[in-house]
C-alpha atoms as a PDB file:
ATOM      1  CA  MET A   1       1.855 -28.903 -35.883  1.00  0.00           C
ATOM      2  CA  ASN A   2      -1.390 -29.496 -37.595  1.00  0.00           C
ATOM      3  CA  LYS A   3      -3.432 -26.570 -38.924  1.00  0.00           C
ATOM      4  CA  ARG A   4      -6.047 -26.948 -36.181  1.00  0.00           C
ATOM      5  CA  PHE A   5      -3.674 -26.777 -33.425  1.00  0.00           C
ATOM      6  CA  GLY A   6      -1.795 -23.873 -34.924  1.00  0.00           C
ATOM      7  CA  ALA A   7      -5.078 -22.008 -35.166  1.00  0.00           C
ATOM      8  CA  ILE A   8      -5.738 -22.425 -31.483  1.00  0.00           C
ATOM      9  CA  ALA A   9      -2.264 -21.507 -30.547  1.00  0.00           C
ATOM     10  CA  THR A  10      -2.611 -18.332 -32.439  1.00  0.00           C
ATOM     11  CA  LEU A  11      -5.861 -17.603 -30.764  1.00  0.00           C
ATOM     12  CA  VAL A  12      -4.479 -18.247 -27.480  1.00  0.00           C
ATOM     13  CA  ALA A  13      -1.682 -15.900 -28.022  1.00  0.00           C
ATOM     14  CA  ALA A  14      -3.922 -13.151 -29.304  1.00  0.00           C
ATOM     15  CA  VAL A  15      -6.595 -13.581 -26.509  1.00  0.00           C
ATOM     16  CA  ALA A  16      -4.098 -13.653 -23.716  1.00  0.00           C
ATOM     17  CA  ALA A  17      -2.298 -10.481 -24.927  1.00  0.00           C
ATOM     18  CA  ALA A  18      -5.547  -8.553 -25.115  1.00  0.00           C
ATOM     19  CA  ALA A  19      -7.290  -9.807 -21.854  1.00  0.00           C
ATOM     20  CA  GLY A  20      -4.279 -10.317 -19.724  1.00  0.00           C
ATOM     21  CA  LEU A  21      -5.189 -13.821 -18.909  1.00  0.00           C
ATOM     22  CA  PHE A  22      -1.620 -15.175 -18.272  1.00  0.00           C
ATOM     23  CA  ALA A  23      -1.238 -12.555 -15.496  1.00  0.00           C
ATOM     24  CA  GLY A  24      -4.781 -12.872 -13.964  1.00  0.00           C
ATOM     25  CA  PRO A  25      -5.803 -12.929 -10.321  1.00  0.00           C
ATOM     26  CA  SER A  26      -5.122 -16.590 -10.182  1.00  0.00           C
ATOM     27  CA  ASN A  27      -1.388 -15.986 -10.505  1.00  0.00           C
ATOM     28  CA  SER A  28      -0.932 -13.453  -7.932  1.00  0.00           C
ATOM     29  CA  ALA A  29      -3.342 -15.331  -5.606  1.00  0.00           C
ATOM     30  CA  SER A  30      -1.082 -18.230  -5.458  1.00  0.00           C
ATOM     31  CA  SER A  31       2.155 -16.336  -5.153  1.00  0.00           C
ATOM     32  CA  GLU A  32       1.971 -16.155  -1.332  1.00  0.00           C
ATOM     33  CA  CYS A  33       0.650 -19.771  -1.060  1.00  0.00           C
ATOM     34  CA  PRO A  34       2.928 -22.424   0.315  1.00  0.00           C
ATOM     35  CA  LYS A  35       2.089 -25.663  -1.715  1.00  0.00           C
ATOM     36  CA  GLY A  36       0.445 -28.523  -0.232  1.00  0.00           C
ATOM     37  CA  ARG A  37       0.484 -32.232  -1.382  1.00  0.00           C
ATOM     38  CA  PRO A  38       1.646 -32.997  -5.006  1.00  0.00           C
ATOM     39  CA  GLY A  39      -1.210 -33.171  -7.374  1.00  0.00           C
ATOM     40  CA  ILE A  40      -3.677 -31.223  -5.177  1.00  0.00           C
ATOM     41  CA  PRO A  41      -4.056 -27.692  -6.155  1.00  0.00           C
ATOM     42  CA  GLY A  42      -4.068 -26.026  -2.508  1.00  0.00           C
ATOM     43  CA  CYS A  43      -2.147 -24.088   0.153  1.00  0.00           C
ATOM     44  CA  LEU A  44      -0.565 -25.397   3.199  1.00  0.00           C
ATOM     45  CA  VAL A  45      -0.734 -23.733   6.643  1.00  0.00           C
ATOM     46  CA  SER A  46       1.548 -24.924   9.295  1.00  0.00           C
ATOM     47  CA  LEU A  47       0.275 -24.838  12.871  1.00  0.00           C
ATOM     48  CA  THR A  48       3.218 -23.847  15.220  1.00  0.00           C
ATOM     49  CA  ALA A  49       3.637 -22.950  18.854  1.00  0.00           C
ATOM     50  CA  THR A  50       3.705 -19.249  17.867  1.00  0.00           C
ATOM     51  CA  GLY A  51       0.647 -19.495  15.592  1.00  0.00           C
ATOM     52  CA  PRO A  52      -0.112 -20.241  12.008  1.00  0.00           C
ATOM     53  CA  SER A  53       2.450 -20.011   9.332  1.00  0.00           C
ATOM     54  CA  PRO A  54       1.905 -18.185   7.236  1.00  0.00           C
ATOM     55  CA  SER A  55      -0.563 -16.080   9.045  1.00  0.00           C
ATOM     56  CA  THR A  56      -2.105 -14.841   5.689  1.00  0.00           C
ATOM     57  CA  VAL A  57      -2.551 -17.096   2.906  1.00  0.00           C
ATOM     58  CA  ARG A  58      -3.611 -15.874  -0.529  1.00  0.00           C
ATOM     59  CA  MET A  59      -4.928 -18.477  -2.952  1.00  0.00           C
ATOM     60  CA  ALA A  60      -7.103 -18.980  -6.156  1.00  0.00           C
ATOM     61  CA  ALA A  61     -10.739 -20.056  -5.777  1.00  0.00           C
ATOM     62  CA  SER A  62     -11.340 -23.817  -6.002  1.00  0.00           C
ATOM     63  CA  TRP A  63      -8.082 -24.584  -4.369  1.00  0.00           C
ATOM     64  CA  LYS A  64      -7.971 -26.553  -1.242  1.00  0.00           C
ATOM     65  CA  LEU A  65      -6.979 -25.355   2.246  1.00  0.00           C
ATOM     66  CA  GLU A  66      -4.742 -27.690   4.141  1.00  0.00           C
ATOM     67  CA  PHE A  67      -3.430 -27.524   7.797  1.00  0.00           C
ATOM     68  CA  ARG A  68      -0.611 -29.341   9.178  1.00  0.00           C
ATOM     69  CA  ASN A  69       0.378 -29.390  12.703  1.00  0.00           C
ATOM     70  CA  THR A  70       4.156 -29.288  12.790  1.00  0.00           C
ATOM     71  CA  ASP A  71       4.242 -28.799  16.554  1.00  0.00           C
ATOM     72  CA  SER A  72       4.609 -31.454  19.310  1.00  0.00           C
ATOM     73  CA  ARG A  73       1.348 -30.590  20.857  1.00  0.00           C
ATOM     74  CA  THR A  74      -2.297 -30.462  19.654  1.00  0.00           C
ATOM     75  CA  HIS A  75      -3.667 -27.299  18.061  1.00  0.00           C
ATOM     76  CA  LYS A  76      -7.224 -26.149  17.344  1.00  0.00           C
ATOM     77  CA  VAL A  77      -8.393 -24.022  14.405  1.00  0.00           C
ATOM     78  CA  VAL A  78     -11.703 -22.156  14.673  1.00  0.00           C
ATOM     79  CA  PHE A  79     -13.151 -20.085  11.669  1.00  0.00           C
ATOM     80  CA  ALA A  80     -15.801 -17.461  12.043  1.00  0.00           C
ATOM     81  CA  ASN A  81     -18.445 -19.658  10.320  1.00  0.00           C
ATOM     82  CA  GLY A  82     -18.178 -22.422  12.818  1.00  0.00           C
ATOM     83  CA  CYS A  83     -15.703 -24.588  11.068  1.00  0.00           C
ATOM     84  CA  SER A  84     -13.569 -26.147  13.845  1.00  0.00           C
ATOM     85  CA  LEU A  85     -10.461 -28.519  13.318  1.00  0.00           C
ATOM     86  CA  THR A  86      -8.406 -30.033  15.945  1.00  0.00           C
ATOM     87  CA  LEU A  87      -4.912 -31.437  14.848  1.00  0.00           C
ATOM     88  CA  THR A  88      -2.743 -33.781  16.773  1.00  0.00           C
ATOM     89  CA  PRO A  89       1.066 -33.539  16.179  1.00  0.00           C
ATOM     90  CA  ARG A  90       2.014 -34.109  12.607  1.00  0.00           C
ATOM     91  CA  GLU A  91      -1.687 -34.591  11.531  1.00  0.00           C
ATOM     92  CA  LEU A  92      -2.738 -33.105   8.203  1.00  0.00           C
ATOM     93  CA  ARG A  93      -6.310 -32.054   7.503  1.00  0.00           C
ATOM     94  CA  VAL A  94      -7.842 -30.747   4.161  1.00  0.00           C
ATOM     95  CA  LEU A  95     -11.099 -28.893   4.358  1.00  0.00           C
ATOM     96  CA  ILE A  96     -12.836 -30.617   1.427  1.00  0.00           C
ATOM     97  CA  LEU A  97     -12.828 -33.988   3.081  1.00  0.00           C
ATOM     98  CA  TRP A  98     -15.298 -32.848   5.973  1.00  0.00           C
ATOM     99  CA  GLY A  99     -18.968 -31.965   5.675  1.00  0.00           C
ATOM    100  CA  GLY A 100     -20.903 -29.150   7.503  1.00  0.00           C
ATOM    101  CA  PRO A 101     -19.230 -25.719   7.948  1.00  0.00           C
ATOM    102  CA  CYS A 102     -15.832 -27.275   7.016  1.00  0.00           C
ATOM    103  CA  ASN A 103     -16.831 -28.474   3.341  1.00  0.00           C
ATOM    104  CA  ASN A 104     -14.169 -26.569   1.407  1.00  0.00           C
ATOM    105  CA  PHE A 105     -16.030 -23.135   2.089  1.00  0.00           C
ATOM    106  CA  SER A 106     -12.716 -21.254   1.849  1.00  0.00           C
ATOM    107  CA  SER A 107     -12.462 -22.326  -1.924  1.00  0.00           C
ATOM    108  CA  TYR A 108     -15.045 -19.548  -2.742  1.00  0.00           C
ATOM    109  CA  VAL A 109     -14.069 -15.848  -3.177  1.00  0.00           C
ATOM    110  CA  GLY A 110     -13.764 -13.951   0.087  1.00  0.00           C
ATOM    111  CA  SER A 111     -11.589 -13.358   3.241  1.00  0.00           C
ATOM    112  CA  TYR A 112     -11.930 -15.893   5.839  1.00  0.00           C
ATOM    113  CA  ALA A 113     -10.604 -15.189   9.439  1.00  0.00           C
ATOM    114  CA  TYR A 114      -9.782 -17.932  11.970  1.00  0.00           C
ATOM    115  CA  THR A 115      -7.892 -18.448  15.121  1.00  0.00           C
ATOM    116  CA  GLU A 116      -5.359 -21.081  16.466  1.00  0.00           C
ATOM    117  CA  ASP A 117      -6.048 -22.042  19.965  1.00  0.00           C
ATOM    118  CA  GLY A 118      -8.052 -18.920  20.382  1.00  0.00           C
ATOM    119  CA  LYS A 119      -5.208 -16.483  20.667  1.00  0.00           C
ATOM    120  CA  PHE A 120      -3.306 -16.592  17.497  1.00  0.00           C
ATOM    121  CA  ALA A 121      -5.131 -14.907  14.323  1.00  0.00           C
ATOM    122  CA  GLY A 122      -4.995 -16.196  10.664  1.00  0.00           C
ATOM    123  CA  THR A 123      -6.592 -15.226   7.339  1.00  0.00           C
ATOM    124  CA  VAL A 124      -7.366 -16.896   4.109  1.00  0.00           C
ATOM    125  CA  VAL A 125      -7.963 -14.631   1.221  1.00  0.00           C
ATOM    126  CA  THR A 126      -9.426 -16.483  -1.951  1.00  0.00           C
ATOM    127  CA  LYS A 127      -9.431 -14.568  -5.342  1.00  0.00           C
ATOM    128  CA  PRO A 128     -11.660 -15.398  -8.343  1.00  0.00           C
ATOM    129  CA  LEU A 129     -10.466 -17.440 -11.302  1.00  0.00           C
ATOM    130  CA  ARG A 130      -9.940 -15.200 -14.409  1.00  0.00           C
ATOM    131  CA  ARG A 131     -12.197 -15.210 -17.518  1.00  0.00           C
ATOM    132  CA  SER A 132     -13.239 -12.726 -20.164  1.00  0.00           C
ATOM    133  CA  VAL A 133     -15.894 -12.067 -22.940  1.00  0.00           C
ATOM    134  CA  THR A 134     -15.817 -10.040 -26.153  1.00  0.00           C
ATOM    135  CA  LEU A 135     -18.538  -8.779 -28.495  1.00  0.00           C
ATOM    136  CA  THR A 136     -18.214  -7.695 -32.190  1.00  0.00           C
ATOM    137  CA  ALA A 137     -20.041  -7.665 -35.558  1.00  0.00           C
ATOM    138  CA  ARG A 138     -19.369  -7.352 -39.131  1.00  0.00           C
ATOM    139  CA  THR A 139     -20.683  -3.768 -39.265  1.00  0.00           C
ATOM    140  CA  HIS A 140     -21.876  -1.028 -36.868  1.00  0.00           C
ATOM    141  CA  THR A 141     -24.389   0.561 -39.326  1.00  0.00           C
ATOM    142  CA  ILE A 142     -27.405  -1.368 -40.848  1.00  0.00           C
ATOM    143  CA  ARG A 143     -30.767  -0.769 -42.308  1.00  0.00           C
ATOM    144  CA  ALA A 144     -33.725  -0.542 -39.844  1.00  0.00           C
ATOM    145  CA  GLY A 145     -34.957  -4.087 -39.274  1.00  0.00           C
ATOM    146  CA  ALA A 146     -32.091  -5.772 -40.886  1.00  0.00           C
ATOM    147  CA  ARG A 147     -30.531  -8.853 -39.283  1.00  0.00           C
ATOM    148  CA  LEU A 148     -27.172  -8.588 -37.787  1.00  0.00           C
ATOM    149  CA  SER A 149     -25.179 -11.291 -36.236  1.00  0.00           C
ATOM    150  CA  LEU A 150     -23.547 -10.326 -32.777  1.00  0.00           C
ATOM    151  CA  HIS A 151     -20.580 -12.657 -31.761  1.00  0.00           C
ATOM    152  CA  GLY A 152     -17.682 -13.135 -29.557  1.00  0.00           C
ATOM    153  CA  GLN A 153     -15.441 -15.279 -27.334  1.00  0.00           C
ATOM    154  CA  VAL A 154     -15.394 -16.322 -23.756  1.00  0.00           C
ATOM    155  CA  ALA A 155     -11.854 -17.356 -22.543  1.00  0.00           C
ATOM    156  CA  ARG A 156     -10.913 -18.560 -19.029  1.00  0.00           C
ATOM    157  CA  SER A 157      -7.533 -19.388 -17.567  1.00  0.00           C
ATOM    158  CA  ASP A 158      -7.114 -21.479 -14.581  1.00  0.00           C
ATOM    159  CA  ARG A 159      -3.951 -22.197 -12.647  1.00  0.00           C
ATOM    160  CA  GLY A 160      -4.107 -25.761 -11.313  1.00  0.00           C
ATOM    161  CA  SER A 161      -7.641 -25.228 -10.121  1.00  0.00           C
ATOM    162  CA  GLY A 162      -9.023 -28.830 -10.597  1.00  0.00           C
ATOM    163  CA  LEU A 163     -11.695 -27.186 -12.828  1.00  0.00           C
ATOM    164  CA  ASN A 164     -10.021 -28.344 -16.089  1.00  0.00           C
ATOM    165  CA  VAL A 165     -13.140 -29.566 -17.793  1.00  0.00           C
ATOM    166  CA  THR A 166     -15.415 -28.245 -20.646  1.00  0.00           C
ATOM    167  CA  LEU A 167     -17.795 -26.403 -18.539  1.00  0.00           C
ATOM    168  CA  PRO A 168     -21.096 -24.846 -19.684  1.00  0.00           C
ATOM    169  CA  VAL A 169     -20.823 -21.094 -20.395  1.00  0.00           C
ATOM    170  CA  LEU A 170     -23.903 -18.815 -20.632  1.00  0.00           C
ATOM    171  CA  VAL A 171     -23.433 -15.327 -22.017  1.00  0.00           C
ATOM    172  CA  VAL A 172     -26.020 -12.650 -21.382  1.00  0.00           C
ATOM    173  CA  VAL A 173     -26.653 -10.011 -24.021  1.00  0.00           C
ATOM    174  CA  LEU A 174     -28.074  -6.754 -22.866  1.00  0.00           C
ATOM    175  CA  ALA A 175     -29.148  -3.806 -25.034  1.00  0.00           C
ATOM    176  CA  ARG A 176     -30.250  -0.181 -24.568  1.00  0.00           C
ATOM    177  CA  HIS A 177     -31.706   2.482 -26.676  1.00  0.00           C
ATOM    178  CA  SER A 178     -30.455   6.259 -26.330  1.00  0.00           C
ATOM    179  CA  LYS A 179     -29.508   6.759 -22.608  1.00  0.00           C
ATOM    180  CA  GLN A 180     -31.779   4.201 -21.114  1.00  0.00           C
ATOM    181  CA  PRO A 181     -30.224   1.430 -18.714  1.00  0.00           C
ATOM    182  CA  PHE A 182     -29.102  -1.765 -20.168  1.00  0.00           C
ATOM    183  CA  GLU A 183     -31.596  -4.480 -20.117  1.00  0.00           C
ATOM    184  CA  PRO A 184     -31.055  -8.265 -20.836  1.00  0.00           C
ATOM    185  CA  VAL A 185     -32.416  -9.310 -24.285  1.00  0.00           C
ATOM    186  CA  ALA A 186     -31.045 -12.878 -24.653  1.00  0.00           C
ATOM    187  CA  THR A 187     -28.959 -15.592 -22.934  1.00  0.00           C
ATOM    188  CA  VAL A 188     -26.744 -17.637 -25.212  1.00  0.00           C
ATOM    189  CA  ARG A 189     -24.840 -20.761 -24.616  1.00  0.00           C
ATOM    190  CA  ALA A 190     -21.337 -20.445 -25.875  1.00  0.00           C
ATOM    191  CA  ARG A 191     -19.997 -23.378 -27.902  1.00  0.00           C
ATOM    192  CA  PHE A 192     -16.505 -24.891 -26.644  1.00  0.00           C
ATOM    193  CA  GLN A 193     -13.775 -24.238 -29.242  1.00  0.00           C
ATOM    194  CA  GLY A 194     -10.583 -25.690 -27.825  1.00  0.00           C
ATOM    195  CA  SER A 195      -8.334 -25.677 -24.950  1.00  0.00           C
ATOM    196  CA  LEU A 196      -4.514 -25.666 -24.199  1.00  0.00           C
ATOM    197  CA  THR A 197      -2.621 -26.735 -21.290  1.00  0.00           C
ATOM    198  CA  ASN A 198       0.962 -26.051 -20.118  1.00  0.00           C
ATOM    199  CA  ALA A 199       2.902 -26.770 -16.904  1.00  0.00           C
ATOM    200  CA  SER A 200       0.608 -24.692 -14.754  1.00  0.00           C
ATOM    201  CA  HIS A 201      -2.342 -23.438 -16.558  1.00  0.00           C
ATOM    202  CA  TYR A 202      -5.468 -24.618 -18.428  1.00  0.00           C
ATOM    203  CA  HIS A 203      -6.922 -22.229 -20.956  1.00  0.00           C
ATOM    204  CA  ALA A 204     -10.401 -22.853 -22.450  1.00  0.00           C
ATOM    205  CA  TYR A 205     -12.114 -20.907 -25.372  1.00  0.00           C
ATOM    206  CA  TYR A 206     -15.723 -20.649 -26.356  1.00  0.00           C
ATOM    207  CA  ARG A 207     -17.533 -18.915 -29.098  1.00  0.00           C
ATOM    208  CA  TRP A 208     -20.943 -17.336 -28.986  1.00  0.00           C
ATOM    209  CA  LYS A 209     -23.415 -15.766 -31.613  1.00  0.00           C
ATOM    210  CA  LEU A 210     -26.799 -13.992 -31.440  1.00  0.00           C
ATOM    211  CA  ASN A 211     -28.887 -12.438 -34.481  1.00  0.00           C
ATOM    212  CA  VAL A 212     -30.422  -9.304 -33.693  1.00  0.00           C
ATOM    213  CA  GLN A 213     -32.705  -7.012 -35.770  1.00  0.00           C
ATOM    214  CA  PRO A 214     -32.777  -3.406 -34.252  1.00  0.00           C
ATOM    215  CA  ASP A 215     -34.991  -0.848 -35.790  1.00  0.00           C
ATOM    216  CA  VAL A 216     -33.413   1.928 -33.851  1.00  0.00           C
ATOM    217  CA  THR A 217     -29.901   2.860 -32.896  1.00  0.00           C
ATOM    218  CA  THR A 218     -29.022   0.251 -30.044  1.00  0.00           C
ATOM    219  CA  THR A 219     -25.947  -0.175 -27.878  1.00  0.00           C
ATOM    220  CA  TYR A 220     -25.273  -3.876 -26.908  1.00  0.00           C
ATOM    221  CA  LEU A 221     -23.144  -5.376 -24.067  1.00  0.00           C
ATOM    222  CA  ALA A 222     -22.198  -9.048 -23.298  1.00  0.00           C
ATOM    223  CA  LYS A 223     -21.500 -10.354 -19.790  1.00  0.00           C
ATOM    224  CA  VAL A 224     -20.803 -13.728 -18.105  1.00  0.00           C
ATOM    225  CA  THR A 225     -22.011 -14.105 -14.416  1.00  0.00           C
ATOM    226  CA  SER A 226     -22.878 -17.847 -13.923  1.00  0.00           C
ATOM    227  CA  GLN A 227     -20.861 -19.769 -11.410  1.00  0.00           C
ATOM    228  CA  ARG A 228     -21.221 -23.225 -12.602  1.00  0.00           C
ATOM    229  CA  TRP A 229     -18.409 -25.546 -12.051  1.00  0.00           C
ATOM    230  CA  CYS A 230     -19.517 -28.931 -13.510  1.00  0.00           C
ATOM    231  CA  VAL A 231     -21.067 -30.520 -16.737  1.00  0.00           C
ATOM    232  CA  ARG A 232     -24.057 -32.000 -14.793  1.00  0.00           C
ATOM    233  CA  PRO A 233     -27.491 -30.361 -14.811  1.00  0.00           C
ATOM    234  CA  ALA A 234     -27.464 -26.782 -13.232  1.00  0.00           C
ATOM    235  CA  SER A 235     -29.281 -27.941 -10.280  1.00  0.00           C
ATOM    236  CA  LEU A 236     -26.407 -30.177  -9.254  1.00  0.00           C
ATOM    237  CA  CYS A 237     -23.809 -27.450  -9.959  1.00  0.00           C
ATOM    238  CA  ALA A 238     -25.222 -24.640  -7.913  1.00  0.00           C
ATOM    239  CA  HIS A 239     -23.001 -22.743  -5.604  1.00  0.00           C
ATOM    240  CA  PRO A 240     -24.942 -21.251  -2.883  1.00  0.00           C
ATOM    241  CA  GLN A 241     -21.726 -20.662  -1.033  1.00  0.00           C
ATOM    242  CA  GLY A 242     -20.539 -18.065  -3.288  1.00  0.00           C
ATOM    243  CA  GLN A 243     -18.268 -17.038  -6.320  1.00  0.00           C
ATOM    244  CA  LEU A 244     -15.645 -18.830  -8.172  1.00  0.00           C
ATOM    245  CA  TRP A 245     -15.178 -16.742 -11.259  1.00  0.00           C
ATOM    246  CA  THR A 246     -14.909 -13.195 -12.323  1.00  0.00           C
ATOM    247  CA  ASN A 247     -17.929 -11.642 -13.835  1.00  0.00           C
ATOM    248  CA  PRO A 248     -16.535 -10.113 -16.959  1.00  0.00           C
ATOM    249  CA  LYS A 249     -18.318  -7.710 -19.387  1.00  0.00           C
ATOM    250  CA  SER A 250     -17.516  -6.836 -22.952  1.00  0.00           C
ATOM    251  CA  ARG A 251     -16.861  -3.323 -24.412  1.00  0.00           C
ATOM    252  CA  PRO A 252     -20.137  -1.776 -25.564  1.00  0.00           C
ATOM    253  CA  LEU A 253     -20.928  -2.025 -29.203  1.00  0.00           C
ATOM    254  CA  THR A 254     -23.520   0.521 -30.899  1.00  0.00           C
ATOM    255  CA  VAL A 255     -25.331  -0.459 -33.833  1.00  0.00           C
ATOM    256  CA  ARG A 256     -26.629   2.524 -35.874  1.00  0.00           C
ATOM    257  CA  ILE A 257     -29.543   2.714 -38.316  1.00  0.00           C
ATOM    258  CA  ARG A 258     -29.035   4.042 -41.856  1.00  0.00           C
ATOM    259  CA  ARG A 259     -31.872   6.070 -43.117  1.00  0.00           C
END
């Protein structure tokens, strides 16, 4: 094991232990998910003569939702948003393959109700993928107007989500004085540090840094709220449909002024 990989492995273990990434929502979200086709992270619902099986599916964001008609007659699935699928016996349909209201909407965070043949109820519950952000500094006390470097790490853990790429990550830094509300003071792009992949997870790690010069006691906070999923320009990565990731916040850090 070379030094660089050893350092990343140590970093993985430390961050996972602190943030609980290996036991994040995407793990529990897939525990009740019957797997679909090999190589496609998704959940399979069987349409039967007595209704969908399972009737409630819990899955991770970005996963695909598949329906297979295992009955000898045709069945129709209708979601509340207007998505409608009619499946003949033994037919398999995946939502991502169709446009309009059936264009993979269920891969975003939410609870989606549907019916089979208008009389059997089903539900898809989609949970966000896990990520975390930290904030620290070399000291908590400085002279008024002195420069101080705030820095931290963003980590994300995906379970077979299909988003195993080096995604852009923006960190919003907020500040407040006394008991005033937090206000954003800067947006910083985190730099990709490395990743690890095992049999079921992809872990990515990013570092960020911001220099500040407070002249009064100030409390800082870092958060990540962007929902980008690709490396193309932001206009091509927008997700008006909804949320994929958690929106983590760091612990607050107060910088006091030494008189």
